[in-house]
Amino acid sequence: MNNVEQVLRSGLATSHQLIAALCTSQPTLPRRIRALAGAVLTLGKGKATRYALRRGVAGERQFPLYRVERPGCRGIAGNAG
């Protein structure tokens, strides 16, 4: 049987895709995702929810994201990871 990490290594997945790939029930899926303790990123809400596996960039799991507000000016947009 696949685990959540194995399925998400191929990219984003919906809950329906994860349930089918893992041969599990809908009530069990959130427990399996929570068991990964932050390794899975949840994007969107409701039927639009997608799941992705977090991965490091240059050895870092969290880093600041910046946006260019106008030429020569930048602002912090948030944190990734």
N, C-alpha and C. Protein backbone atom coordinates (compact mmCIF):
# COMPACT_ATOMS: atom_id res chain seq x y z
N MET A 1 0.84 -1.18 0.00
CA MET A 1 0.00 0.00 0.00
C MET A 1 0.89 1.24 0.00
N ASN A 2 0.50 2.26 -0.74
CA ASN A 2 1.23 3.53 -0.79
C ASN A 2 1.00 4.31 0.49
N ASN A 3 1.93 5.22 0.79
CA ASN A 3 1.66 6.16 1.87
C ASN A 3 1.48 7.54 1.27
N VAL A 4 1.03 8.48 2.08
CA VAL A 4 0.71 9.82 1.59
C VAL A 4 1.93 10.46 0.93
N GLU A 5 3.10 10.34 1.56
CA GLU A 5 4.31 10.94 0.99
C GLU A 5 4.63 10.38 -0.39
N GLN A 6 4.51 9.07 -0.56
CA GLN A 6 4.80 8.47 -1.86
C GLN A 6 3.87 9.02 -2.94
N VAL A 7 2.60 9.16 -2.63
CA VAL A 7 1.63 9.66 -3.61
C VAL A 7 1.94 11.11 -3.95
N LEU A 8 2.24 11.94 -2.95
CA LEU A 8 2.46 13.36 -3.18
C LEU A 8 3.81 13.68 -3.81
N ARG A 9 4.72 12.73 -3.85
CA ARG A 9 6.01 12.98 -4.53
C ARG A 9 5.80 13.23 -6.02
N SER A 10 4.69 12.77 -6.56
CA SER A 10 4.42 12.99 -7.99
C SER A 10 3.72 14.33 -8.23
N GLY A 11 3.39 15.08 -7.17
CA GLY A 11 2.79 16.40 -7.34
C GLY A 11 1.52 16.59 -6.53
N LEU A 12 0.84 17.70 -6.79
CA LEU A 12 -0.41 18.02 -6.09
C LEU A 12 -1.44 16.92 -6.26
N ALA A 13 -2.29 16.76 -5.24
CA ALA A 13 -3.36 15.77 -5.32
C ALA A 13 -4.58 16.28 -4.57
N THR A 14 -5.75 15.90 -5.05
CA THR A 14 -6.99 16.21 -4.34
C THR A 14 -7.24 15.11 -3.31
N SER A 15 -8.21 15.33 -2.44
CA SER A 15 -8.53 14.30 -1.46
C SER A 15 -9.05 13.04 -2.16
N HIS A 16 -9.82 13.22 -3.23
CA HIS A 16 -10.33 12.05 -3.97
C HIS A 16 -9.18 11.24 -4.57
N GLN A 17 -8.17 11.93 -5.10
CA GLN A 17 -7.02 11.23 -5.67
C GLN A 17 -6.24 10.49 -4.58
N LEU A 18 -6.07 11.11 -3.42
CA LEU A 18 -5.35 10.46 -2.32
C LEU A 18 -6.12 9.25 -1.80
N ILE A 19 -7.43 9.40 -1.63
CA ILE A 19 -8.26 8.29 -1.15
C ILE A 19 -8.17 7.10 -2.09
N ALA A 20 -8.24 7.36 -3.39
CA ALA A 20 -8.15 6.27 -4.38
C ALA A 20 -6.77 5.62 -4.37
N ALA A 21 -5.72 6.43 -4.33
CA ALA A 21 -4.36 5.89 -4.38
C ALA A 21 -3.99 5.13 -3.11
N LEU A 22 -4.54 5.55 -1.97
CA LEU A 22 -4.20 4.94 -0.69
C LEU A 22 -5.17 3.83 -0.30
N CYS A 23 -6.24 3.66 -1.07
CA CYS A 23 -7.28 2.67 -0.75
C CYS A 23 -7.76 2.85 0.69
N THR A 24 -8.11 4.08 1.03
CA THR A 24 -8.54 4.41 2.38
C THR A 24 -9.89 5.11 2.34
N SER A 25 -10.45 5.39 3.49
CA SER A 25 -11.75 6.07 3.56
C SER A 25 -11.56 7.57 3.76
N GLN A 26 -12.62 8.33 3.48
CA GLN A 26 -12.56 9.78 3.63
C GLN A 26 -12.28 10.19 5.08
N PRO A 27 -12.88 9.56 6.09
CA PRO A 27 -12.58 9.95 7.47
C PRO A 27 -11.14 9.64 7.90
N THR A 28 -10.51 8.67 7.26
CA THR A 28 -9.15 8.28 7.62
C THR A 28 -8.10 9.21 7.03
N LEU A 29 -8.39 9.81 5.88
CA LEU A 29 -7.40 10.64 5.19
C LEU A 29 -6.87 11.79 6.05
N PRO A 30 -7.70 12.60 6.70
CA PRO A 30 -7.14 13.69 7.52
C PRO A 30 -6.22 13.19 8.63
N ARG A 31 -6.52 12.04 9.21
CA ARG A 31 -5.64 11.47 10.25
C ARG A 31 -4.29 11.10 9.67
N ARG A 32 -4.29 10.54 8.48
CA ARG A 32 -3.02 10.16 7.85
C ARG A 32 -2.20 11.40 7.49
N ILE A 33 -2.87 12.47 7.07
CA ILE A 33 -2.17 13.71 6.74
C ILE A 33 -1.62 14.36 8.01
N ARG A 34 -2.43 14.42 9.08
CA ARG A 34 -1.96 14.99 10.35
C ARG A 34 -0.78 14.22 10.93
N ALA A 35 -0.72 12.93 10.70
CA ALA A 35 0.36 12.11 11.23
C ALA A 35 1.72 12.50 10.65
N LEU A 36 1.73 13.20 9.54
CA LEU A 36 3.00 13.60 8.92
C LEU A 36 3.57 14.88 9.54
N ALA A 37 2.88 15.45 10.51
CA ALA A 37 3.38 16.58 11.31
C ALA A 37 3.98 17.71 10.49
N GLY A 38 3.21 18.29 9.60
CA GLY A 38 3.66 19.46 8.86
C GLY A 38 4.40 19.18 7.56
N ALA A 39 4.57 17.93 7.18
CA ALA A 39 5.26 17.61 5.93
C ALA A 39 4.35 17.82 4.72
N VAL A 40 3.04 17.93 4.96
CA VAL A 40 2.08 18.10 3.88
C VAL A 40 1.50 19.51 3.95
N LEU A 41 1.49 20.19 2.82
CA LEU A 41 0.94 21.54 2.71
C LEU A 41 -0.47 21.44 2.15
N THR A 42 -1.44 22.09 2.81
CA THR A 42 -2.83 22.11 2.37
C THR A 42 -3.10 23.43 1.67
N LEU A 43 -3.55 23.37 0.43
CA LEU A 43 -3.81 24.56 -0.38
C LEU A 43 -5.28 24.63 -0.72
N GLY A 44 -5.92 25.77 -0.50
CA GLY A 44 -7.32 25.93 -0.83
C GLY A 44 -8.24 25.45 0.27
N LYS A 45 -9.54 25.54 -0.02
CA LYS A 45 -10.56 25.13 0.95
C LYS A 45 -11.69 24.40 0.24
N GLY A 46 -12.38 23.58 1.00
CA GLY A 46 -13.53 22.87 0.47
C GLY A 46 -13.16 21.95 -0.68
N LYS A 47 -13.99 21.95 -1.72
CA LYS A 47 -13.75 21.08 -2.87
C LYS A 47 -12.51 21.46 -3.65
N ALA A 48 -12.03 22.68 -3.46
CA ALA A 48 -10.83 23.15 -4.18
C ALA A 48 -9.54 22.79 -3.45
N THR A 49 -9.61 22.08 -2.33
CA THR A 49 -8.42 21.75 -1.55
C THR A 49 -7.50 20.80 -2.31
N ARG A 50 -6.23 21.13 -2.31
CA ARG A 50 -5.19 20.29 -2.90
C ARG A 50 -4.12 20.08 -1.84
N TYR A 51 -3.43 18.98 -1.93
CA TYR A 51 -2.37 18.66 -0.98
C TYR A 51 -1.05 18.53 -1.72
N ALA A 52 0.02 18.99 -1.08
CA ALA A 52 1.35 18.91 -1.68
C ALA A 52 2.35 18.54 -0.59
N LEU A 53 3.42 17.92 -0.99
CA LEU A 53 4.49 17.56 -0.07
C LEU A 53 5.45 18.73 0.03
N ARG A 54 5.75 19.14 1.25
CA ARG A 54 6.73 20.21 1.44
C ARG A 54 8.11 19.67 1.11
N ARG A 55 8.95 20.52 0.55
CA ARG A 55 10.32 20.13 0.26
C ARG A 55 11.23 21.31 0.53
N GLY A 56 12.45 21.03 0.83
CA GLY A 56 13.40 22.09 1.12
C GLY A 56 13.94 22.73 -0.15
N VAL A 57 14.37 23.97 -0.03
CA VAL A 57 15.03 24.69 -1.11
C VAL A 57 16.38 25.12 -0.57
N ALA A 58 17.44 24.69 -1.22
CA ALA A 58 18.81 25.00 -0.77
C ALA A 58 19.02 24.58 0.68
N GLY A 59 18.45 23.44 1.05
CA GLY A 59 18.63 22.91 2.39
C GLY A 59 17.76 23.54 3.46
N GLU A 60 16.93 24.49 3.10
CA GLU A 60 16.06 25.18 4.07
C GLU A 60 14.61 24.76 3.87
N ARG A 61 13.89 24.59 4.96
CA ARG A 61 12.47 24.26 4.87
C ARG A 61 11.59 25.49 4.96
N GLN A 62 12.07 26.55 5.61
CA GLN A 62 11.31 27.79 5.70
C GLN A 62 12.20 28.95 5.30
N PHE A 63 11.63 29.89 4.57
CA PHE A 63 12.39 31.05 4.13
C PHE A 63 11.41 32.17 3.79
N PRO A 64 11.84 33.43 3.87
CA PRO A 64 10.94 34.54 3.57
C PRO A 64 10.67 34.66 2.08
N LEU A 65 9.47 35.08 1.73
CA LEU A 65 9.11 35.37 0.35
C LEU A 65 8.94 36.88 0.21
N TYR A 66 9.50 37.44 -0.84
CA TYR A 66 9.39 38.87 -1.08
C TYR A 66 8.62 39.12 -2.37
N ARG A 67 8.01 40.28 -2.45
CA ARG A 67 7.33 40.69 -3.68
C ARG A 67 7.86 42.07 -4.08
N VAL A 68 7.89 42.32 -5.36
CA VAL A 68 8.31 43.63 -5.86
C VAL A 68 7.06 44.47 -5.98
N GLU A 69 7.01 45.56 -5.21
CA GLU A 69 5.83 46.41 -5.19
C GLU A 69 5.88 47.45 -6.30
N ARG A 70 7.04 47.97 -6.58
CA ARG A 70 7.28 48.88 -7.70
C ARG A 70 8.79 48.85 -7.93
N PRO A 71 9.25 49.30 -9.06
CA PRO A 71 10.69 49.21 -9.35
C PRO A 71 11.55 49.73 -8.20
N GLY A 72 12.44 48.88 -7.74
CA GLY A 72 13.37 49.25 -6.69
C GLY A 72 12.86 49.06 -5.28
N CYS A 73 11.60 48.67 -5.11
CA CYS A 73 11.03 48.49 -3.78
C CYS A 73 10.53 47.07 -3.63
N ARG A 74 10.82 46.49 -2.49
CA ARG A 74 10.33 45.15 -2.23
C ARG A 74 9.65 45.12 -0.88
N GLY A 75 8.77 44.18 -0.71
CA GLY A 75 8.07 44.01 0.56
C GLY A 75 7.98 42.54 0.89
N ILE A 76 7.89 42.24 2.16
CA ILE A 76 7.78 40.84 2.56
C ILE A 76 6.35 40.36 2.26
N ALA A 77 6.25 39.23 1.60
CA ALA A 77 4.95 38.67 1.24
C ALA A 77 4.52 37.60 2.23
N GLY A 78 5.46 37.04 2.97
CA GLY A 78 5.15 35.98 3.91
C GLY A 78 6.31 35.02 4.01
N ASN A 79 6.05 33.85 4.55
CA ASN A 79 7.06 32.82 4.69
C ASN A 79 6.63 31.58 3.94
N ALA A 80 7.56 30.95 3.27
CA ALA A 80 7.29 29.69 2.58
C ALA A 80 7.75 28.57 3.48
N GLY A 81 7.04 27.47 3.39
CA GLY A 81 7.43 26.31 4.14
C GLY A 81 6.70 26.21 5.37
